[in-house]
């Protein structure tokens, strides 16, 4: 078979069901193989390569399978980069396949030539050019193995034009089924470290768990719940860790840190005599630039990536292991101990939520204009089912949903791009989430800055008739930056404001059923209509800008 046919068969062998991408001249053999072979995969044609990668990212997050995106050489390879690096730094396995000029034409100035391997090297966990068609199956297997094992991450394969036409032995087409899902081949913890961690937890009196995205990726929901119940342990999360425990659970503290945290949740961390980091890098946002928890507090750190442990806090106990396997072992060790202190977690979490709700509720009920973001959050909380998926862009949506939307069940129900925070992520990621989990209602929430980055994909939503509801916080400003100029630079505003767009009209031109909300009293009725419609919808909310709002952000430059 040809290299192009072999690539299709290797994806099929690894259980790939959907591929997101955009056509180009160097991709013609691959597209022809996709068109002529019976493989059972669906190709989703996007309007640019960046959004193909964002779709693959969210698809992987909701399915537990690697996401696959593809694009052509030259500009296609450069456009796909933002989505690849976001996935890699978020520990999400995304395979980016970028076709390339023929190996025989390298160095002769062919159109669209660039060194793809050098370009992707610092942005991926694994990266190669398939220069020899006979080696193609082995390198595809290596990419899936790298993406799904250890700390998951992104991989890149350059697929030259002549390789796509080269010969491949059909006997080489096989896959290890372990690498069709992630995390694959998870590492168990060292028993002595688990025993020491159990001793320290049982001896503490005000311990707190801080969960990052690791336990969500590992599916550690039951183990976290059991540990919290055993020790009356309060469980806080980073933004990426939301969903590790239902936020209606009495042990759930909610998000901590400078984005989505509030003084009451910060106090739970600051009073702790022991902090258990689980699949959390303890980075600048979650720890308020390493001030919360305070340096010197006792630390137990669990992470699948050994390089994370000790990077920011000196660990008293270091456990390099899969989050689920480590927590299951820790639960067993704690259960075996008859002497264990309660951590007063239920009362501590309840106090944090009481203080947070006291500040939130008046704003959520406000009839003031422009519409308060808090009112949008509270209205969606009433209207959406428990299994809905919300995808939020940075800017206005992320801190408000992280702080105030109280996720009613554990699981991957909230997606936002916390690695690099690029605008324009939510719309495409919502599309990937919908393709991966079509039974759940999916909502994409963005600011109007983000809308300008991504609005071309409304054509894609309409072409595939995806029943996604988009919500735009329209305030005609790059609000995060303006708020930073207000708080840290004496209100000297420079080049952060832009003209207001009628987003409902733009979306309608693509074929999206749309509404515009200026009066808070109209918000619930219009959102109900949008959520109930069986096709793509958009609600354009004329919203309070961040620099004037009571945003749950303690520091605008984190």
Protein backbone atom coordinates (compact mmCIF):
# COMPACT_ATOMS: atom_id res chain seq x y z
CA UNK A 1 0.00 0.00 0.00
CA UNK A 2 1.01 3.63 -0.31
CA UNK A 3 2.21 5.78 2.57
CA UNK A 4 -1.02 7.80 2.48
CA UNK A 5 -3.08 4.62 2.67
CA UNK A 6 -0.86 3.35 5.48
CA UNK A 7 -1.43 6.55 7.46
CA UNK A 8 -5.19 6.10 7.18
CA UNK A 9 -4.94 2.45 8.22
CA UNK A 10 -2.69 3.29 11.18
CA UNK A 11 -5.17 5.86 12.46
CA UNK A 12 -7.94 3.31 12.02
CA UNK A 13 -5.88 0.68 13.89
CA UNK A 14 -5.52 3.06 16.83
CA UNK A 15 -9.29 3.48 17.11
CA UNK A 16 -9.44 7.00 15.68
CA UNK A 17 -13.02 7.96 14.83
CA UNK A 18 -12.73 11.63 13.91
CA UNK A 19 -10.07 13.75 12.22
CA UNK A 20 -10.25 17.56 12.21
CA UNK A 21 -8.45 19.45 9.49
CA UNK A 22 -8.06 21.57 6.41
CA UNK A 23 -7.05 20.65 2.87
CA UNK A 24 -3.90 21.74 1.03
CA UNK A 25 -1.97 20.74 -2.06
CA UNK A 26 0.64 18.69 -0.16
CA UNK A 27 -2.25 16.74 1.43
CA UNK A 28 -3.77 15.49 -1.84
CA UNK A 29 -2.59 11.84 -1.58
CA UNK A 30 -3.73 11.65 2.06
CA UNK A 31 -7.14 13.11 1.19
CA UNK A 32 -7.48 10.69 -1.71
CA UNK A 33 -6.79 7.77 0.63
CA UNK A 34 -9.36 9.13 3.11
CA UNK A 35 -11.88 9.35 0.25
CA UNK A 36 -11.32 5.91 -1.29
CA UNK A 37 -10.65 3.60 1.67
CA UNK A 38 -13.35 2.08 3.89
CA UNK A 39 -12.07 3.14 7.32
CA UNK A 40 -15.07 4.28 9.38
CA UNK A 41 -13.54 7.65 10.32
CA UNK A 42 -15.26 11.01 9.89
CA UNK A 43 -13.24 13.96 8.66
CA UNK A 44 -14.44 17.36 9.92
CA UNK A 45 -13.42 20.14 7.53
CA UNK A 46 -12.55 23.31 9.47
CA UNK A 47 -11.96 26.86 8.28
CA UNK A 48 -8.40 27.09 9.62
CA UNK A 49 -5.85 24.73 11.12
CA UNK A 50 -5.66 26.39 14.53
CA UNK A 51 -9.29 25.58 15.18
CA UNK A 52 -8.79 22.02 13.94
CA UNK A 53 -6.23 21.58 16.73
CA UNK A 54 -8.54 23.17 19.31
CA UNK A 55 -11.31 20.78 18.23
CA UNK A 56 -8.99 17.81 18.59
CA UNK A 57 -7.94 19.05 22.04
CA UNK A 58 -11.47 19.24 23.49
CA UNK A 59 -12.46 16.03 21.70
CA UNK A 60 -9.65 14.23 23.53
CA UNK A 61 -10.65 15.74 26.87
CA UNK A 62 -14.24 14.46 26.71
CA UNK A 63 -13.58 11.07 25.08
CA UNK A 64 -10.38 9.92 26.75
CA UNK A 65 -8.96 9.12 23.29
CA UNK A 66 -6.21 11.01 21.45
CA UNK A 67 -7.49 13.82 19.24
CA UNK A 68 -6.21 13.99 15.67
CA UNK A 69 -5.86 17.11 13.52
CA UNK A 70 -4.20 17.65 10.16
CA UNK A 71 -3.13 20.43 7.84
CA UNK A 72 -0.89 21.16 4.86
CA UNK A 73 2.68 22.44 4.67
CA UNK A 74 3.88 26.02 5.09
CA UNK A 75 1.15 28.24 6.48
CA UNK A 76 -0.91 25.24 7.52
CA UNK A 77 1.90 24.01 9.76
CA UNK A 78 2.35 27.45 11.34
CA UNK A 79 -1.40 27.96 11.86
CA UNK A 80 -1.85 24.63 13.64
CA UNK A 81 0.86 25.43 16.21
CA UNK A 82 -1.25 27.31 18.82
CA UNK A 83 -3.58 24.38 19.30
CA UNK A 84 -0.75 21.88 19.51
CA UNK A 85 1.18 23.74 22.19
CA UNK A 86 -2.01 24.37 24.20
CA UNK A 87 -2.77 20.64 24.21
CA UNK A 88 0.80 19.67 25.04
CA UNK A 89 1.08 22.02 28.01
CA UNK A 90 -2.38 20.90 29.20
CA UNK A 91 -1.32 17.23 29.15
CA UNK A 92 -3.80 16.40 26.40
CA UNK A 93 -2.79 13.92 23.65
CA UNK A 94 -3.29 15.57 20.27
CA UNK A 95 -1.63 14.22 17.13
CA UNK A 96 -0.98 16.90 14.52
CA UNK A 97 -0.23 15.55 11.03
CA UNK A 98 1.13 18.20 8.69
CA UNK A 99 1.85 17.14 5.15
CA UNK A 100 5.03 18.47 3.60
CA UNK A 101 6.95 19.02 0.40
CA UNK A 102 8.78 16.02 -1.05
CA UNK A 103 12.04 15.05 0.61
CA UNK A 104 13.74 15.19 -2.81
CA UNK A 105 12.93 18.90 -3.17
CA UNK A 106 14.32 20.04 0.20
CA UNK A 107 16.84 22.84 -0.09
CA UNK A 108 15.72 23.74 -3.61
CA UNK A 109 13.31 26.48 -2.48
CA UNK A 110 10.04 24.68 -3.18
CA UNK A 111 6.90 26.57 -2.29
CA UNK A 112 5.88 26.17 1.40
CA UNK A 113 9.14 24.54 2.51
CA UNK A 114 10.06 24.93 6.17
CA UNK A 115 11.78 22.76 8.77
CA UNK A 116 8.69 21.31 10.39
CA UNK A 117 10.58 19.12 12.85
CA UNK A 118 12.54 22.11 14.16
CA UNK A 119 9.35 24.17 14.33
CA UNK A 120 7.46 21.65 16.45
CA UNK A 121 10.36 20.37 18.56
CA UNK A 122 9.93 22.72 21.56
CA UNK A 123 6.13 22.51 21.46
CA UNK A 124 5.47 18.78 21.52
CA UNK A 125 6.22 15.72 23.59
CA UNK A 126 7.22 13.77 20.46
CA UNK A 127 7.94 14.88 16.90
CA UNK A 128 9.24 13.33 13.67
CA UNK A 129 9.26 13.58 9.89
CA UNK A 130 8.17 10.43 8.06
CA UNK A 131 10.92 10.53 5.47
CA UNK A 132 10.95 6.77 4.83
CA UNK A 133 7.58 5.27 3.89
CA UNK A 134 8.65 1.82 5.16
CA UNK A 135 9.12 3.30 8.66
CA UNK A 136 5.80 5.14 8.71
CA UNK A 137 3.80 2.55 10.74
CA UNK A 138 6.51 2.26 13.41
CA UNK A 139 6.73 6.03 13.83
CA UNK A 140 2.96 6.41 14.06
CA UNK A 141 2.98 3.80 16.83
CA UNK A 142 5.77 5.72 18.56
CA UNK A 143 3.70 8.92 18.38
CA UNK A 144 0.67 7.28 20.00
CA UNK A 145 2.86 5.63 22.62
CA UNK A 146 4.45 8.96 23.55
CA UNK A 147 1.15 10.86 23.58
CA UNK A 148 -0.69 8.51 25.90
CA UNK A 149 1.92 7.29 28.43
CA UNK A 150 3.49 9.07 31.41
CA UNK A 151 2.29 12.66 31.39
CA UNK A 152 0.14 12.77 28.23
CA UNK A 153 1.00 15.34 25.60
CA UNK A 154 0.95 16.30 21.94
CA UNK A 155 2.83 14.72 19.06
CA UNK A 156 3.57 15.91 15.53
CA UNK A 157 4.21 13.97 12.35
CA UNK A 158 5.41 15.63 9.15
CA UNK A 159 4.21 13.61 6.15
CA UNK A 160 6.18 14.46 2.97
CA UNK A 161 4.48 14.25 -0.41
CA UNK A 162 6.75 11.51 -1.74
CA UNK A 163 6.34 9.45 1.44
CA UNK A 164 2.59 9.52 0.84
CA UNK A 165 3.23 7.82 -2.51
CA UNK A 166 5.94 5.44 -1.28
CA UNK A 167 5.46 1.75 -0.57
CA UNK A 168 4.51 0.28 2.81
CA UNK A 169 4.30 -3.41 3.73
CA UNK A 170 0.70 -4.14 4.82
CA UNK A 171 2.05 -6.54 7.47
CA UNK A 172 3.37 -3.48 9.34
CA UNK A 173 -0.15 -2.14 9.95
CA UNK A 174 -0.89 -2.90 13.59
CA UNK A 175 -1.39 -0.96 16.83
CA UNK A 176 -1.06 -1.59 20.55
CA UNK A 177 -4.64 -1.15 21.86
CA UNK A 178 -3.32 0.32 25.12
CA UNK A 179 -2.40 3.49 23.24
CA UNK A 180 -5.89 4.12 21.87
CA UNK A 181 -6.84 5.74 25.18
CA UNK A 182 -5.11 7.81 27.86
CA UNK A 183 -3.52 7.74 30.30
CA UNK A 184 -2.04 4.47 29.05
CA UNK A 185 0.11 2.14 31.14
CA UNK A 186 -0.20 4.31 34.29
CA UNK A 187 2.60 4.15 36.85
CA UNK A 188 1.84 2.94 40.38
CA UNK A 189 3.22 4.76 43.43
CA UNK A 190 6.15 3.71 45.60
CA UNK A 191 4.60 1.98 48.68
CA UNK A 192 6.82 3.63 51.29
CA UNK A 193 5.89 7.10 50.04
CA UNK A 194 2.20 6.21 50.29
CA UNK A 195 2.63 5.03 53.87
CA UNK A 196 4.41 8.25 54.85
CA UNK A 197 1.76 10.36 53.13
CA UNK A 198 -0.99 8.49 55.00
CA UNK A 199 0.79 9.05 58.33
CA UNK A 200 1.12 12.77 57.68
CA UNK A 201 -2.49 13.16 56.51
CA UNK A 202 -3.87 11.28 59.49
CA UNK A 203 -1.73 13.36 61.85
CA UNK A 204 -2.65 16.74 60.37
CA UNK A 205 -5.50 18.87 61.69
CA UNK A 206 -6.14 21.37 58.90
CA UNK A 207 -4.99 19.62 55.74
CA UNK A 208 -6.35 20.58 52.32
CA UNK A 209 -6.13 18.93 48.90
CA UNK A 210 -5.44 21.11 45.86
CA UNK A 211 -6.29 19.25 42.66
CA UNK A 212 -5.07 20.26 39.22
CA UNK A 213 -6.01 18.75 35.89
CA UNK A 214 -4.10 15.50 36.62
CA UNK A 215 -6.80 13.69 38.60
CA UNK A 216 -9.44 14.72 36.05
CA UNK A 217 -7.33 13.26 33.23
CA UNK A 218 -6.67 10.12 35.29
CA UNK A 219 -10.35 9.65 36.23
CA UNK A 220 -9.63 9.77 39.97
CA UNK A 221 -13.11 11.00 40.91
CA UNK A 222 -14.12 8.09 43.17
CA UNK A 223 -10.77 8.01 44.95
CA UNK A 224 -10.83 11.76 45.68
CA UNK A 225 -14.35 11.44 47.03
CA UNK A 226 -13.41 8.52 49.26
CA UNK A 227 -10.34 10.31 50.68
CA UNK A 228 -12.41 13.41 51.41
CA UNK A 229 -15.05 11.33 53.19
CA UNK A 230 -12.49 9.39 55.25
CA UNK A 231 -10.68 12.45 56.57
CA UNK A 232 -13.34 15.15 56.27
CA UNK A 233 -10.76 16.67 53.93
CA UNK A 234 -11.55 19.93 52.08
CA UNK A 235 -10.87 19.66 48.33
CA UNK A 236 -9.89 22.78 46.39
CA UNK A 237 -9.05 22.89 42.69
CA UNK A 238 -7.20 24.88 40.12
CA UNK A 239 -9.26 26.03 37.13
CA UNK A 240 -8.12 22.94 35.22
CA UNK A 241 -9.02 20.71 38.15
CA UNK A 242 -12.69 21.65 38.21
CA UNK A 243 -14.84 18.56 37.98
CA UNK A 244 -12.61 16.36 40.12
CA UNK A 245 -15.37 16.59 42.74
CA UNK A 246 -18.91 17.93 42.50
CA UNK A 247 -18.86 21.49 43.81
CA UNK A 248 -22.14 20.78 45.58
CA UNK A 249 -20.30 18.17 47.66
CA UNK A 250 -19.85 19.38 51.26
CA UNK A 251 -16.07 18.94 51.03
CA UNK A 252 -15.66 21.04 47.87
CA UNK A 253 -13.99 24.42 48.39
CA UNK A 254 -14.07 25.46 44.72
CA UNK A 255 -11.33 27.18 42.75
CA UNK A 256 -8.38 28.80 44.50
CA UNK A 257 -5.82 31.19 43.07
CA UNK A 258 -5.74 34.56 41.39
CA UNK A 259 -8.17 33.60 38.59
CA UNK A 260 -11.47 32.38 40.02
CA UNK A 261 -10.39 32.31 43.64
CA UNK A 262 -11.75 34.69 46.26
CA UNK A 263 -10.48 35.71 49.71
CA UNK A 264 -12.66 33.09 51.42
CA UNK A 265 -11.23 30.20 49.39
CA UNK A 266 -7.71 31.58 49.76
CA UNK A 267 -8.17 31.51 53.54
CA UNK A 268 -8.74 27.73 53.45
CA UNK A 269 -5.31 27.30 51.87
CA UNK A 270 -3.57 29.83 54.10
CA UNK A 271 -4.77 28.21 57.34
CA UNK A 272 -3.66 24.71 56.27
CA UNK A 273 -1.00 22.82 58.20
CA UNK A 274 -0.55 20.41 55.26
CA UNK A 275 -1.26 20.81 51.53
CA UNK A 276 -1.76 17.78 49.30
CA UNK A 277 -1.10 18.78 45.68
CA UNK A 278 -2.57 16.23 43.26
CA UNK A 279 -1.75 16.48 39.56
CA UNK A 280 -1.15 20.20 40.03
CA UNK A 281 1.96 22.11 39.01
CA UNK A 282 1.50 24.66 41.81
CA UNK A 283 2.02 27.39 39.24
CA UNK A 284 1.69 31.14 39.52
CA UNK A 285 -2.10 31.39 39.18
CA UNK A 286 -3.15 28.57 41.51
CA UNK A 287 -0.77 29.69 44.28
CA UNK A 288 -1.16 33.48 43.90
CA UNK A 289 2.44 33.63 42.68
CA UNK A 290 3.65 31.12 45.29
CA UNK A 291 2.23 33.03 48.26
CA UNK A 292 -0.71 30.69 49.01
CA UNK A 293 0.15 28.25 50.45
CA UNK A 294 2.90 30.05 52.26
CA UNK A 295 6.44 28.67 51.85
CA UNK A 296 7.34 26.29 54.65
CA UNK A 297 3.99 24.54 55.04
CA UNK A 298 4.11 20.73 54.90
CA UNK A 299 3.63 19.48 51.31
CA UNK A 300 2.65 16.12 49.83
CA UNK A 301 2.93 16.25 46.04
CA UNK A 302 1.48 13.63 43.67
CA UNK A 303 2.15 13.98 39.94
CA UNK A 304 2.72 11.72 36.94
CA UNK A 305 5.55 14.03 35.85
CA UNK A 306 8.49 13.80 38.29
CA UNK A 307 9.87 17.14 37.08
CA UNK A 308 6.82 18.96 38.46
CA UNK A 309 7.35 17.74 42.00
CA UNK A 310 9.52 20.17 43.94
CA UNK A 311 9.63 22.79 41.20
CA UNK A 312 7.87 25.39 43.35
CA UNK A 313 7.46 23.95 46.88
CA UNK A 314 9.79 21.69 48.81
CA UNK A 315 7.88 18.41 49.19
CA UNK A 316 7.87 16.49 52.44
CA UNK A 317 6.52 13.50 50.55
CA UNK A 318 6.99 13.09 46.78
CA UNK A 319 4.85 10.57 44.88
CA UNK A 320 5.61 10.25 41.17
CA UNK A 321 2.65 8.22 39.91
CA UNK A 322 -0.65 8.28 38.12
CA UNK A 323 -3.10 10.34 40.19
CA UNK A 324 -5.80 7.66 40.29
CA UNK A 325 -3.46 4.83 41.25
CA UNK A 326 -1.76 6.99 43.87
CA UNK A 327 -5.05 8.05 45.43
CA UNK A 328 -6.44 4.51 45.45
CA UNK A 329 -3.32 3.38 47.30
CA UNK A 330 -3.51 6.35 49.67
CA UNK A 331 -7.16 5.62 50.48
CA UNK A 332 -6.27 2.03 51.37
CA UNK A 333 -3.43 3.19 53.60
CA UNK A 334 -5.65 5.71 55.39
CA UNK A 335 -8.42 3.12 55.83
CA UNK A 336 -5.90 0.81 57.51
CA UNK A 337 -5.17 3.38 60.22
CA UNK A 338 -7.49 3.51 63.21
CA UNK A 339 -5.99 6.78 64.49
CA UNK A 340 -6.77 9.52 62.03
CA UNK A 341 -7.69 13.13 62.67
CA UNK A 342 -10.62 14.78 60.97
CA UNK A 343 -9.67 17.88 59.00
CA UNK A 344 -12.88 19.86 59.61
CA UNK A 345 -13.28 20.09 55.84
CA UNK A 346 -17.06 20.28 55.70
CA UNK A 347 -17.18 23.33 57.96
CA UNK A 348 -14.23 25.01 56.26
CA UNK A 349 -15.70 24.52 52.77
CA UNK A 350 -19.14 25.69 53.90
CA UNK A 351 -17.66 28.87 55.32
CA UNK A 352 -15.89 29.61 52.04
CA UNK A 353 -19.04 29.11 49.98
CA UNK A 354 -21.15 31.18 52.37
CA UNK A 355 -18.80 34.16 52.03
CA UNK A 356 -18.54 33.75 48.27
CA UNK A 357 -22.32 33.52 47.77
CA UNK A 358 -22.95 36.56 49.98
CA UNK A 359 -20.95 38.68 47.53
CA UNK A 360 -22.23 36.92 44.41
CA UNK A 361 -25.98 36.81 44.98
CA UNK A 362 -26.78 40.55 44.87
CA UNK A 363 -24.90 40.89 41.58
CA UNK A 364 -26.53 37.76 40.17
CA UNK A 365 -29.94 39.34 40.83
CA UNK A 366 -28.96 42.82 39.63
CA UNK A 367 -31.24 44.53 37.12
CA UNK A 368 -28.49 47.02 36.29
CA UNK A 369 -27.18 47.63 32.81
CA UNK A 370 -24.93 46.67 31.16
CA UNK A 371 -25.82 43.10 32.15
CA UNK A 372 -23.73 41.81 35.05
CA UNK A 373 -21.69 38.69 34.21
CA UNK A 374 -22.86 37.19 37.50
CA UNK A 375 -26.46 37.26 36.21
CA UNK A 376 -25.47 35.25 33.14
CA UNK A 377 -23.76 32.63 35.33
CA UNK A 378 -26.72 32.29 37.70
CA UNK A 379 -29.19 32.03 34.82
CA UNK A 380 -27.23 29.31 33.07
CA UNK A 381 -26.90 27.43 36.35
CA UNK A 382 -30.69 27.28 36.56
CA UNK A 383 -31.24 26.32 32.92
CA UNK A 384 -28.56 23.77 32.05
CA UNK A 385 -28.75 20.05 32.76
CA UNK A 386 -26.19 18.48 35.07
CA UNK A 387 -24.36 16.79 32.18
CA UNK A 388 -23.91 19.94 30.06
CA UNK A 389 -20.43 20.86 28.84
CA UNK A 390 -19.33 24.50 29.11
CA UNK A 391 -16.28 25.67 27.17
CA UNK A 392 -14.97 29.08 28.21
CA UNK A 393 -12.46 31.44 26.67
CA UNK A 394 -10.03 33.50 28.77
CA UNK A 395 -11.02 37.06 29.56
CA UNK A 396 -14.47 37.60 31.01
CA UNK A 397 -15.79 34.00 30.91
CA UNK A 398 -13.02 32.06 32.68
CA UNK A 399 -12.88 33.71 36.12
CA UNK A 400 -16.66 34.05 36.43
CA UNK A 401 -17.43 30.44 35.53
CA UNK A 402 -14.52 29.15 37.60
CA UNK A 403 -15.59 31.05 40.69
CA UNK A 404 -19.35 30.99 40.51
CA UNK A 405 -20.73 28.20 38.33
CA UNK A 406 -21.18 25.38 40.85
CA UNK A 407 -20.62 22.14 38.96
CA UNK A 408 -23.26 19.69 40.20
CA UNK A 409 -21.45 16.44 39.39
CA UNK A 410 -17.93 15.16 39.04
CA UNK A 411 -16.47 14.71 35.57
CA UNK A 412 -15.18 16.68 32.60
CA UNK A 413 -17.92 19.30 32.26
CA UNK A 414 -15.79 22.45 32.06
CA UNK A 415 -13.09 23.11 29.47
CA UNK A 416 -10.89 26.17 29.19
CA UNK A 417 -7.39 26.74 27.83
CA UNK A 418 -5.29 27.34 30.90
CA UNK A 419 -1.84 26.62 29.46
CA UNK A 420 -1.39 29.69 27.28
CA UNK A 421 -4.77 31.41 27.44
CA UNK A 422 -5.11 32.25 23.75
CA UNK A 423 -8.28 34.06 22.75
CA UNK A 424 -10.59 32.31 20.30
CA UNK A 425 -10.37 28.82 21.83
CA UNK A 426 -13.90 28.23 23.10
CA UNK A 427 -15.90 28.05 19.87
CA UNK A 428 -13.74 25.41 18.18
CA UNK A 429 -13.19 23.50 21.42
CA UNK A 430 -16.95 23.38 21.93
CA UNK A 431 -17.26 21.84 18.48
CA UNK A 432 -14.71 19.16 19.35
CA UNK A 433 -16.47 18.49 22.65
CA UNK A 434 -19.81 18.16 20.87
CA UNK A 435 -18.41 15.71 18.31
CA UNK A 436 -16.89 13.65 21.13
CA UNK A 437 -19.96 13.76 23.40
CA UNK A 438 -22.99 14.59 21.22
CA UNK A 439 -25.55 13.52 23.85
CA UNK A 440 -24.67 16.45 26.16
CA UNK A 441 -25.63 20.07 25.55
CA UNK A 442 -22.51 22.09 24.76
CA UNK A 443 -22.18 25.82 25.43
CA UNK A 444 -19.33 28.02 24.17
CA UNK A 445 -18.76 31.22 26.15
CA UNK A 446 -16.51 33.97 24.84
CA UNK A 447 -15.78 37.67 25.01
CA UNK A 448 -16.09 39.84 21.92
CA UNK A 449 -12.30 39.91 21.63
CA UNK A 450 -12.37 36.13 21.23
CA UNK A 451 -15.28 36.33 18.78
CA UNK A 452 -13.04 38.24 16.39
CA UNK A 453 -10.50 35.41 16.46
CA UNK A 454 -12.88 32.59 15.65
CA UNK A 455 -16.08 33.72 13.94
CA UNK A 456 -15.23 31.96 10.66
CA UNK A 457 -15.97 28.64 12.36
CA UNK A 458 -19.65 29.57 12.63
CA UNK A 459 -19.83 28.41 9.01
CA UNK A 460 -18.47 25.03 10.14
CA UNK A 461 -21.01 24.81 12.96
CA UNK A 462 -23.82 25.48 10.50
CA UNK A 463 -22.48 23.09 7.85
CA UNK A 464 -22.49 20.23 10.36
CA UNK A 465 -25.61 21.58 12.12
CA UNK A 466 -24.11 21.33 15.58
CA UNK A 467 -26.64 22.36 18.28
CA UNK A 468 -24.07 24.41 20.20
CA UNK A 469 -25.17 27.56 22.01
CA UNK A 470 -22.61 30.39 21.95
CA UNK A 471 -22.74 33.25 24.44
CA UNK A 472 -20.78 36.44 23.79
CA UNK A 473 -19.98 38.91 26.56
CA UNK A 474 -20.00 42.04 24.43
CA UNK A 475 -18.23 44.98 26.03
CA UNK A 476 -16.08 46.35 23.16
CA UNK A 477 -12.79 46.03 25.02
CA UNK A 478 -9.89 43.68 25.65
CA UNK A 479 -11.11 43.74 29.23
CA UNK A 480 -8.41 41.76 31.02
CA UNK A 481 -5.73 44.12 29.78
CA UNK A 482 -7.79 47.23 30.51
CA UNK A 483 -8.41 45.98 34.04
CA UNK A 484 -4.67 45.47 34.40
CA UNK A 485 -4.01 49.00 33.19
CA UNK A 486 -6.54 50.27 35.75
CA UNK A 487 -5.18 48.32 38.72
CA UNK A 488 -1.46 48.42 38.02
CA UNK A 489 -0.81 51.41 35.76
CA UNK A 490 -2.89 54.21 37.21
CA UNK A 491 -5.77 53.85 34.77
CA UNK A 492 -3.62 54.91 31.83
CA UNK A 493 -5.60 53.16 29.11
CA UNK A 494 -3.87 52.61 25.81
CA UNK A 495 -5.19 50.74 22.76
CA UNK A 496 -7.51 48.30 24.49
CA UNK A 497 -10.90 49.52 23.27
CA UNK A 498 -12.49 48.69 19.91
CA UNK A 499 -15.79 49.28 18.13
CA UNK A 500 -18.84 47.27 19.17
CA UNK A 501 -19.88 44.55 16.73
CA UNK A 502 -23.42 43.26 16.32
CA UNK A 503 -22.41 39.66 16.97
CA UNK A 504 -25.98 38.40 16.59
CA UNK A 505 -26.11 39.88 13.09
CA UNK A 506 -22.75 38.39 12.12
CA UNK A 507 -23.73 34.95 13.39
CA UNK A 508 -27.09 35.21 11.65
CA UNK A 509 -25.32 35.83 8.36
CA UNK A 510 -23.63 32.45 8.75
CA UNK A 511 -27.01 30.81 9.48
CA UNK A 512 -26.89 30.78 13.31
CA UNK A 513 -30.17 31.59 15.08
CA UNK A 514 -29.24 34.58 17.22
CA UNK A 515 -30.50 36.98 19.87
CA UNK A 516 -29.16 40.23 21.36
CA UNK A 517 -29.73 40.98 25.06
CA UNK A 518 -29.44 44.46 26.55
CA UNK A 519 -32.09 44.26 29.30
CA UNK A 520 -31.30 41.79 32.12
CA UNK A 521 -35.01 40.94 32.36
CA UNK A 522 -34.85 39.47 28.83
CA UNK A 523 -31.84 37.26 29.51
CA UNK A 524 -33.51 34.13 30.86
CA UNK A 525 -36.18 33.96 28.17
CA UNK A 526 -33.70 34.34 25.35
CA UNK A 527 -31.28 31.81 26.84
CA UNK A 528 -34.13 29.32 27.19
CA UNK A 529 -34.97 29.69 23.51
CA UNK A 530 -31.34 29.37 22.48
CA UNK A 531 -30.73 26.25 24.57
CA UNK A 532 -33.91 24.57 23.33
CA UNK A 533 -33.29 25.17 19.61
CA UNK A 534 -32.15 22.08 17.68
CA UNK A 535 -29.45 23.89 15.69
CA UNK A 536 -26.61 26.34 16.34
CA UNK A 537 -27.55 29.44 18.35
CA UNK A 538 -25.88 32.57 19.71
CA UNK A 539 -26.84 35.04 22.44
CA UNK A 540 -25.03 38.39 22.30
CA UNK A 541 -25.07 39.88 25.81
CA UNK A 542 -24.25 43.58 26.21
CA UNK A 543 -22.21 43.04 29.35
CA UNK A 544 -20.39 44.98 32.03
CA UNK A 545 -16.69 45.32 31.15
CA UNK A 546 -14.12 43.68 33.40
CA UNK A 547 -12.45 46.89 34.53
CA UNK A 548 -15.78 48.02 36.06
CA UNK A 549 -16.87 44.65 37.43
CA UNK A 550 -16.41 42.74 40.67
CA UNK A 551 -14.44 40.04 38.86
CA UNK A 552 -13.03 37.18 40.98
CA UNK A 553 -9.47 38.07 40.03
CA UNK A 554 -6.95 39.06 42.68
CA UNK A 555 -4.14 39.95 40.30
CA UNK A 556 -4.45 40.84 36.62
CA UNK A 557 -0.84 39.98 35.82
CA UNK A 558 -0.22 36.56 37.34
